[in-house]
């Protein structure tokens, strides 16, 4: 069975730093796959390679069996890869509706209104569509960013530290929201909150020093001695 998205021998070095070093990775359709590892392990660089925001030095990226290694980021969006950022990337002076409409428009949606309203409803922001995005609470801004990603109608949704800065109650809502996205959307999740990772992930890949340390289900990752030493601190 062909993985929905695959990296083969993927590498990106910055001077002497091997940020991503010969990584093989497979994302199966309909899963929530978490990417974890210590700070500086190469997680954000790796997903930036997948999304086209950082050029690949060597290796291949396949989407549904099609090579996309050298496609620019905007072309990958049209192929169905959406990447929401570690830092909220909304347009604060535009309304909530217009933020999502810009995303839907970039994905070629015609007419715009139905997919915009559907995305806002999916993240429970329907009643805030006329609000200026910059006036929203931080938690609502993160949900807006997610709505913008969903408006792109992605096959693969990459979420980079989505629960950072959220209150405990907001995190519970976020987990339920992400669980509701699959199997229609495949999710690749970078997350430091291990409770979120263990609750959500079907599979987990651990990066360390730019290389894959382990891949497995949550129970396998918890029990992996090398992962405990490198990241979980022996307290899995």
C-alpha atoms as a PDB file:
ATOM      1  CA  UNK A   1       0.000   0.000   0.000  1.00  0.00           C
ATOM      2  CA  UNK A   2       1.421   3.411  -1.012  1.00  0.00           C
ATOM      3  CA  UNK A   3       1.756   5.898   1.857  1.00  0.00           C
ATOM      4  CA  UNK A   4      -0.138   9.153   1.372  1.00  0.00           C
ATOM      5  CA  UNK A   5       3.090  11.086   1.964  1.00  0.00           C
ATOM      6  CA  UNK A   6       6.612   9.752   2.026  1.00  0.00           C
ATOM      7  CA  UNK A   7      10.106  11.096   2.612  1.00  0.00           C
ATOM      8  CA  UNK A   8      13.051   9.062   1.327  1.00  0.00           C
ATOM      9  CA  UNK A   9      16.569   9.922   2.479  1.00  0.00           C
ATOM     10  CA  UNK A  10      15.540  13.511   3.161  1.00  0.00           C
ATOM     11  CA  UNK A  11      18.375  15.840   4.218  1.00  0.00           C
ATOM     12  CA  UNK A  12      18.913  19.516   4.912  1.00  0.00           C
ATOM     13  CA  UNK A  13      22.107  20.891   6.420  1.00  0.00           C
ATOM     14  CA  UNK A  14      22.828  24.470   7.496  1.00  0.00           C
ATOM     15  CA  UNK A  15      26.589  24.838   7.480  1.00  0.00           C
ATOM     16  CA  UNK A  16      27.823  22.142   9.848  1.00  0.00           C
ATOM     17  CA  UNK A  17      24.384  21.588  11.405  1.00  0.00           C
ATOM     18  CA  UNK A  18      22.646  18.453  10.115  1.00  0.00           C
ATOM     19  CA  UNK A  19      19.110  19.702  10.838  1.00  0.00           C
ATOM     20  CA  UNK A  20      17.535  16.818   8.898  1.00  0.00           C
ATOM     21  CA  UNK A  21      19.868  13.941   8.156  1.00  0.00           C
ATOM     22  CA  UNK A  22      18.831  11.147   5.751  1.00  0.00           C
ATOM     23  CA  UNK A  23      15.286  10.775   7.137  1.00  0.00           C
ATOM     24  CA  UNK A  24      12.881   8.104   5.873  1.00  0.00           C
ATOM     25  CA  UNK A  25       9.267   8.750   6.867  1.00  0.00           C
ATOM     26  CA  UNK A  26       5.817   7.522   5.843  1.00  0.00           C
ATOM     27  CA  UNK A  27       2.469   9.158   6.586  1.00  0.00           C
ATOM     28  CA  UNK A  28      -0.467   6.787   6.136  1.00  0.00           C
ATOM     29  CA  UNK A  29      -3.829   8.089   4.921  1.00  0.00           C
ATOM     30  CA  UNK A  30      -6.317   8.849   7.682  1.00  0.00           C
ATOM     31  CA  UNK A  31      -3.899   8.756  10.612  1.00  0.00           C
ATOM     32  CA  UNK A  32      -2.826  11.289  13.219  1.00  0.00           C
ATOM     33  CA  UNK A  33       0.950  10.996  13.203  1.00  0.00           C
ATOM     34  CA  UNK A  34       2.888  12.891  15.871  1.00  0.00           C
ATOM     35  CA  UNK A  35       6.443  14.129  15.387  1.00  0.00           C
ATOM     36  CA  UNK A  36       8.271  14.619  18.683  1.00  0.00           C
ATOM     37  CA  UNK A  37      11.812  15.166  19.914  1.00  0.00           C
ATOM     38  CA  UNK A  38      13.994  17.517  21.950  1.00  0.00           C
ATOM     39  CA  UNK A  39      14.384  21.176  21.007  1.00  0.00           C
ATOM     40  CA  UNK A  40      16.702  21.376  18.006  1.00  0.00           C
ATOM     41  CA  UNK A  41      15.911  17.830  16.880  1.00  0.00           C
ATOM     42  CA  UNK A  42      14.925  19.052  13.401  1.00  0.00           C
ATOM     43  CA  UNK A  43      11.134  18.782  13.621  1.00  0.00           C
ATOM     44  CA  UNK A  44      10.204  22.187  12.195  1.00  0.00           C
ATOM     45  CA  UNK A  45      12.892  21.963   9.509  1.00  0.00           C
ATOM     46  CA  UNK A  46      11.543  18.543   8.520  1.00  0.00           C
ATOM     47  CA  UNK A  47       7.942  19.707   8.095  1.00  0.00           C
ATOM     48  CA  UNK A  48       9.214  22.835   6.329  1.00  0.00           C
ATOM     49  CA  UNK A  49      10.842  20.501   3.803  1.00  0.00           C
ATOM     50  CA  UNK A  50       7.572  18.572   3.423  1.00  0.00           C
ATOM     51  CA  UNK A  51       5.581  21.766   2.880  1.00  0.00           C
ATOM     52  CA  UNK A  52       8.119  23.361   0.522  1.00  0.00           C
ATOM     53  CA  UNK A  53       9.055  26.296   2.734  1.00  0.00           C
ATOM     54  CA  UNK A  54      12.662  25.113   2.914  1.00  0.00           C
ATOM     55  CA  UNK A  55      14.331  23.575  -0.176  1.00  0.00           C
ATOM     56  CA  UNK A  56      15.470  19.960  -0.015  1.00  0.00           C
ATOM     57  CA  UNK A  57      19.218  19.332  -0.183  1.00  0.00           C
ATOM     58  CA  UNK A  58      18.961  15.635  -0.996  1.00  0.00           C
ATOM     59  CA  UNK A  59      16.306  12.935  -0.961  1.00  0.00           C
ATOM     60  CA  UNK A  60      12.747  12.695  -2.249  1.00  0.00           C
ATOM     61  CA  UNK A  61       9.232  13.665  -1.140  1.00  0.00           C
ATOM     62  CA  UNK A  62       6.236  11.814  -2.566  1.00  0.00           C
ATOM     63  CA  UNK A  63       2.554  12.671  -2.211  1.00  0.00           C
ATOM     64  CA  UNK A  64       0.233   9.865  -3.224  1.00  0.00           C
ATOM     65  CA  UNK A  65       3.123   8.316  -5.145  1.00  0.00           C
ATOM     66  CA  UNK A  66       3.818  11.555  -7.091  1.00  0.00           C
ATOM     67  CA  UNK A  67       7.198  13.205  -6.610  1.00  0.00           C
ATOM     68  CA  UNK A  68       6.849  16.758  -5.256  1.00  0.00           C
ATOM     69  CA  UNK A  69      10.438  17.221  -4.013  1.00  0.00           C
ATOM     70  CA  UNK A  70      11.071  20.463  -5.881  1.00  0.00           C
ATOM     71  CA  UNK A  71       7.574  21.915  -6.078  1.00  0.00           C
ATOM     72  CA  UNK A  72       7.262  25.390  -4.473  1.00  0.00           C
ATOM     73  CA  UNK A  73       5.126  25.783  -1.356  1.00  0.00           C
ATOM     74  CA  UNK A  74       2.122  27.336  -3.149  1.00  0.00           C
ATOM     75  CA  UNK A  75       2.009  24.414  -5.586  1.00  0.00           C
ATOM     76  CA  UNK A  76       2.039  21.961  -2.687  1.00  0.00           C
ATOM     77  CA  UNK A  77      -0.923  23.803  -1.160  1.00  0.00           C
ATOM     78  CA  UNK A  78      -2.826  23.150  -4.374  1.00  0.00           C
ATOM     79  CA  UNK A  79      -1.789  19.482  -4.153  1.00  0.00           C
ATOM     80  CA  UNK A  80      -3.389  19.343  -0.695  1.00  0.00           C
ATOM     81  CA  UNK A  81      -0.684  20.109   1.899  1.00  0.00           C
ATOM     82  CA  UNK A  82      -1.616  22.715   4.523  1.00  0.00           C
ATOM     83  CA  UNK A  83       0.830  23.871   7.212  1.00  0.00           C
ATOM     84  CA  UNK A  84      -0.277  25.876  10.265  1.00  0.00           C
ATOM     85  CA  UNK A  85       2.559  27.595  12.029  1.00  0.00           C
ATOM     86  CA  UNK A  86       4.163  27.458  15.444  1.00  0.00           C
ATOM     87  CA  UNK A  87       3.394  31.168  15.763  1.00  0.00           C
ATOM     88  CA  UNK A  88      -0.114  32.310  14.885  1.00  0.00           C
ATOM     89  CA  UNK A  89      -0.140  33.565  11.283  1.00  0.00           C
ATOM     90  CA  UNK A  90      -3.459  35.351  10.898  1.00  0.00           C
ATOM     91  CA  UNK A  91      -4.213  38.752   9.348  1.00  0.00           C
ATOM     92  CA  UNK A  92      -5.179  40.762  12.455  1.00  0.00           C
ATOM     93  CA  UNK A  93      -6.769  43.711  10.619  1.00  0.00           C
ATOM     94  CA  UNK A  94      -9.101  41.528   8.578  1.00  0.00           C
ATOM     95  CA  UNK A  95     -12.294  39.909   9.808  1.00  0.00           C
ATOM     96  CA  UNK A  96     -12.407  36.280  10.804  1.00  0.00           C
ATOM     97  CA  UNK A  97     -14.442  35.555   7.670  1.00  0.00           C
ATOM     98  CA  UNK A  98     -11.966  37.329   5.372  1.00  0.00           C
ATOM     99  CA  UNK A  99      -8.996  35.447   6.864  1.00  0.00           C
ATOM    100  CA  UNK A 100     -10.593  32.128   5.995  1.00  0.00           C
ATOM    101  CA  UNK A 101     -11.819  33.443   2.621  1.00  0.00           C
ATOM    102  CA  UNK A 102      -8.246  34.258   1.599  1.00  0.00           C
ATOM    103  CA  UNK A 103      -7.229  30.680   2.319  1.00  0.00           C
ATOM    104  CA  UNK A 104     -10.229  29.250   0.468  1.00  0.00           C
ATOM    105  CA  UNK A 105      -9.526  31.530  -2.495  1.00  0.00           C
ATOM    106  CA  UNK A 106      -5.898  30.388  -2.679  1.00  0.00           C
ATOM    107  CA  UNK A 107      -7.170  26.800  -2.886  1.00  0.00           C
ATOM    108  CA  UNK A 108      -9.335  27.768  -5.867  1.00  0.00           C
ATOM    109  CA  UNK A 109     -12.705  27.583  -4.093  1.00  0.00           C
ATOM    110  CA  UNK A 110     -15.636  28.960  -6.116  1.00  0.00           C
ATOM    111  CA  UNK A 111     -17.951  30.190  -4.691  1.00  0.00           C
ATOM    112  CA  UNK A 112     -16.147  31.177  -1.491  1.00  0.00           C
ATOM    113  CA  UNK A 113     -18.922  31.458   1.068  1.00  0.00           C
ATOM    114  CA  UNK A 114     -19.845  27.752   1.556  1.00  0.00           C
ATOM    115  CA  UNK A 115     -16.299  26.473   2.293  1.00  0.00           C
ATOM    116  CA  UNK A 116     -15.552  29.477   4.511  1.00  0.00           C
ATOM    117  CA  UNK A 117     -18.666  28.986   6.626  1.00  0.00           C
ATOM    118  CA  UNK A 118     -18.056  25.229   6.774  1.00  0.00           C
ATOM    119  CA  UNK A 119     -14.489  25.755   8.045  1.00  0.00           C
ATOM    120  CA  UNK A 120     -15.625  28.256  10.691  1.00  0.00           C
ATOM    121  CA  UNK A 121     -18.361  25.903  11.848  1.00  0.00           C
ATOM    122  CA  UNK A 122     -15.865  23.042  12.068  1.00  0.00           C
ATOM    123  CA  UNK A 123     -13.774  24.985  14.600  1.00  0.00           C
ATOM    124  CA  UNK A 124     -16.752  26.516  16.442  1.00  0.00           C
ATOM    125  CA  UNK A 125     -16.115  30.099  15.301  1.00  0.00           C
ATOM    126  CA  UNK A 126     -19.352  30.593  13.323  1.00  0.00           C
ATOM    127  CA  UNK A 127     -20.614  33.404  15.544  1.00  0.00           C
ATOM    128  CA  UNK A 128     -17.376  35.386  15.287  1.00  0.00           C
ATOM    129  CA  UNK A 129     -17.147  35.726  11.502  1.00  0.00           C
ATOM    130  CA  UNK A 130     -17.488  39.536  11.497  1.00  0.00           C
ATOM    131  CA  UNK A 131     -14.971  40.099  14.329  1.00  0.00           C
ATOM    132  CA  UNK A 132     -11.534  41.513  13.548  1.00  0.00           C
ATOM    133  CA  UNK A 133      -9.076  38.643  13.869  1.00  0.00           C
ATOM    134  CA  UNK A 134      -6.735  40.741  15.995  1.00  0.00           C
ATOM    135  CA  UNK A 135      -9.461  41.195  18.620  1.00  0.00           C
ATOM    136  CA  UNK A 136      -9.861  37.466  19.223  1.00  0.00           C
ATOM    137  CA  UNK A 137      -8.444  35.720  22.277  1.00  0.00           C
ATOM    138  CA  UNK A 138      -5.236  33.788  21.700  1.00  0.00           C
ATOM    139  CA  UNK A 139      -7.110  30.484  21.797  1.00  0.00           C
ATOM    140  CA  UNK A 140      -9.610  31.688  19.205  1.00  0.00           C
ATOM    141  CA  UNK A 141      -6.756  32.943  17.004  1.00  0.00           C
ATOM    142  CA  UNK A 142      -5.284  29.430  17.011  1.00  0.00           C
ATOM    143  CA  UNK A 143      -8.693  28.043  16.023  1.00  0.00           C
ATOM    144  CA  UNK A 144      -8.919  30.625  13.246  1.00  0.00           C
ATOM    145  CA  UNK A 145      -5.548  29.500  11.946  1.00  0.00           C
ATOM    146  CA  UNK A 146      -6.853  25.934  11.932  1.00  0.00           C
ATOM    147  CA  UNK A 147      -9.965  27.056  10.027  1.00  0.00           C
ATOM    148  CA  UNK A 148      -7.695  28.703   7.455  1.00  0.00           C
ATOM    149  CA  UNK A 149      -5.869  25.399   7.072  1.00  0.00           C
ATOM    150  CA  UNK A 150      -9.129  23.471   6.683  1.00  0.00           C
ATOM    151  CA  UNK A 151     -10.384  25.949   4.061  1.00  0.00           C
ATOM    152  CA  UNK A 152      -7.509  24.767   1.870  1.00  0.00           C
ATOM    153  CA  UNK A 153      -9.280  21.367   1.759  1.00  0.00           C
ATOM    154  CA  UNK A 154      -6.038  19.573   2.652  1.00  0.00           C
ATOM    155  CA  UNK A 155      -5.211  15.927   2.182  1.00  0.00           C
ATOM    156  CA  UNK A 156      -2.418  16.485   4.722  1.00  0.00           C
ATOM    157  CA  UNK A 157      -2.746  19.010   7.557  1.00  0.00           C
ATOM    158  CA  UNK A 158       0.534  19.801   9.337  1.00  0.00           C
ATOM    159  CA  UNK A 159       0.039  21.341  12.784  1.00  0.00           C
ATOM    160  CA  UNK A 160       3.155  22.869  14.368  1.00  0.00           C
ATOM    161  CA  UNK A 161       2.792  23.260  18.167  1.00  0.00           C
ATOM    162  CA  UNK A 162      -0.967  23.930  17.946  1.00  0.00           C
ATOM    163  CA  UNK A 163      -1.619  23.785  21.711  1.00  0.00           C
ATOM    164  CA  UNK A 164       1.176  26.200  22.647  1.00  0.00           C
ATOM    165  CA  UNK A 165      -0.292  28.936  24.845  1.00  0.00           C
ATOM    166  CA  UNK A 166      -3.731  27.310  25.149  1.00  0.00           C
ATOM    167  CA  UNK A 167      -5.501  26.901  28.484  1.00  0.00           C
ATOM    168  CA  UNK A 168      -6.325  23.389  29.716  1.00  0.00           C
ATOM    169  CA  UNK A 169      -9.977  23.664  28.661  1.00  0.00           C
ATOM    170  CA  UNK A 170      -8.985  24.899  25.214  1.00  0.00           C
ATOM    171  CA  UNK A 171      -6.609  21.945  24.809  1.00  0.00           C
ATOM    172  CA  UNK A 172      -9.429  19.477  25.490  1.00  0.00           C
ATOM    173  CA  UNK A 173     -11.546  21.182  22.838  1.00  0.00           C
ATOM    174  CA  UNK A 174      -8.646  21.118  20.408  1.00  0.00           C
ATOM    175  CA  UNK A 175      -8.110  17.386  20.900  1.00  0.00           C
ATOM    176  CA  UNK A 176     -11.773  16.671  20.157  1.00  0.00           C
ATOM    177  CA  UNK A 177     -11.569  18.883  17.083  1.00  0.00           C
ATOM    178  CA  UNK A 178      -8.526  17.110  15.648  1.00  0.00           C
ATOM    179  CA  UNK A 179     -10.005  13.680  16.324  1.00  0.00           C
ATOM    180  CA  UNK A 180     -13.021  14.770  14.271  1.00  0.00           C
ATOM    181  CA  UNK A 181     -10.845  15.626  11.249  1.00  0.00           C
ATOM    182  CA  UNK A 182      -9.726  12.051  10.543  1.00  0.00           C
ATOM    183  CA  UNK A 183      -9.980   9.943   8.486  1.00  0.00           C
ATOM    184  CA  UNK A 184     -11.100  12.591   5.954  1.00  0.00           C
ATOM    185  CA  UNK A 185      -7.940  14.606   6.634  1.00  0.00           C
ATOM    186  CA  UNK A 186      -4.566  13.105   7.521  1.00  0.00           C
ATOM    187  CA  UNK A 187      -2.829  14.992  10.342  1.00  0.00           C
ATOM    188  CA  UNK A 188       0.901  15.409  11.018  1.00  0.00           C
ATOM    189  CA  UNK A 189       1.299  16.925  14.474  1.00  0.00           C
ATOM    190  CA  UNK A 190       4.389  18.513  16.032  1.00  0.00           C
ATOM    191  CA  UNK A 191       3.675  18.808  19.731  1.00  0.00           C
ATOM    192  CA  UNK A 192       5.614  19.092  23.008  1.00  0.00           C
ATOM    193  CA  UNK A 193       2.606  18.327  25.225  1.00  0.00           C
ATOM    194  CA  UNK A 194       3.043  14.578  25.647  1.00  0.00           C
ATOM    195  CA  UNK A 195      -0.444  14.096  27.059  1.00  0.00           C
ATOM    196  CA  UNK A 196      -1.856  15.540  23.822  1.00  0.00           C
ATOM    197  CA  UNK A 197       0.489  13.359  21.748  1.00  0.00           C
ATOM    198  CA  UNK A 198      -0.382  10.142  23.570  1.00  0.00           C
ATOM    199  CA  UNK A 199      -4.121  10.883  23.446  1.00  0.00           C
ATOM    200  CA  UNK A 200      -4.242  11.811  19.758  1.00  0.00           C
ATOM    201  CA  UNK A 201      -1.542   9.968  17.843  1.00  0.00           C
ATOM    202  CA  UNK A 202      -2.046   6.724  15.974  1.00  0.00           C
ATOM    203  CA  UNK A 203       1.711   6.604  15.395  1.00  0.00           C
ATOM    204  CA  UNK A 204       4.639   8.642  16.680  1.00  0.00           C
ATOM    205  CA  UNK A 205       8.011   9.379  15.075  1.00  0.00           C
ATOM    206  CA  UNK A 206      10.815  10.592  17.342  1.00  0.00           C
ATOM    207  CA  UNK A 207      13.553  12.792  15.862  1.00  0.00           C
ATOM    208  CA  UNK A 208      16.874  13.372  17.583  1.00  0.00           C
ATOM    209  CA  UNK A 209      19.832  15.276  16.078  1.00  0.00           C
ATOM    210  CA  UNK A 210      18.032  15.333  12.724  1.00  0.00           C
ATOM    211  CA  UNK A 211      17.592  11.565  12.525  1.00  0.00           C
ATOM    212  CA  UNK A 212      14.729   9.164  13.226  1.00  0.00           C
ATOM    213  CA  UNK A 213      15.265   7.623  16.641  1.00  0.00           C
ATOM    214  CA  UNK A 214      12.078   5.526  16.668  1.00  0.00           C
ATOM    215  CA  UNK A 215       8.637   5.139  15.099  1.00  0.00           C
ATOM    216  CA  UNK A 216       5.736   3.268  16.646  1.00  0.00           C
ATOM    217  CA  UNK A 217       2.385   3.473  18.393  1.00  0.00           C
ATOM    218  CA  UNK A 218       2.143   5.361  21.711  1.00  0.00           C
ATOM    219  CA  UNK A 219       2.714   2.226  23.815  1.00  0.00           C
ATOM    220  CA  UNK A 220       5.820   1.303  21.827  1.00  0.00           C
ATOM    221  CA  UNK A 221       7.239   4.818  22.112  1.00  0.00           C
ATOM    222  CA  UNK A 222       6.603   4.939  25.873  1.00  0.00           C
ATOM    223  CA  UNK A 223       8.450   1.627  26.292  1.00  0.00           C
ATOM    224  CA  UNK A 224      11.413   2.544  24.069  1.00  0.00           C
ATOM    225  CA  UNK A 225      14.521   2.948  26.240  1.00  0.00           C
ATOM    226  CA  UNK A 226      16.363   5.107  23.697  1.00  0.00           C
ATOM    227  CA  UNK A 227      13.389   7.495  23.481  1.00  0.00           C
ATOM    228  CA  UNK A 228      13.201   7.704  27.274  1.00  0.00           C
ATOM    229  CA  UNK A 229      16.886   8.580  27.471  1.00  0.00           C
ATOM    230  CA  UNK A 230      16.759  11.171  24.671  1.00  0.00           C
ATOM    231  CA  UNK A 231      13.419  12.821  25.265  1.00  0.00           C
ATOM    232  CA  UNK A 232      11.049  11.408  27.854  1.00  0.00           C
ATOM    233  CA  UNK A 233      13.639  11.560  30.615  1.00  0.00           C
ATOM    234  CA  UNK A 234      12.815   8.111  31.877  1.00  0.00           C
ATOM    235  CA  UNK A 235       9.373   9.285  33.036  1.00  0.00           C
ATOM    236  CA  UNK A 236       7.221   7.879  30.239  1.00  0.00           C
END
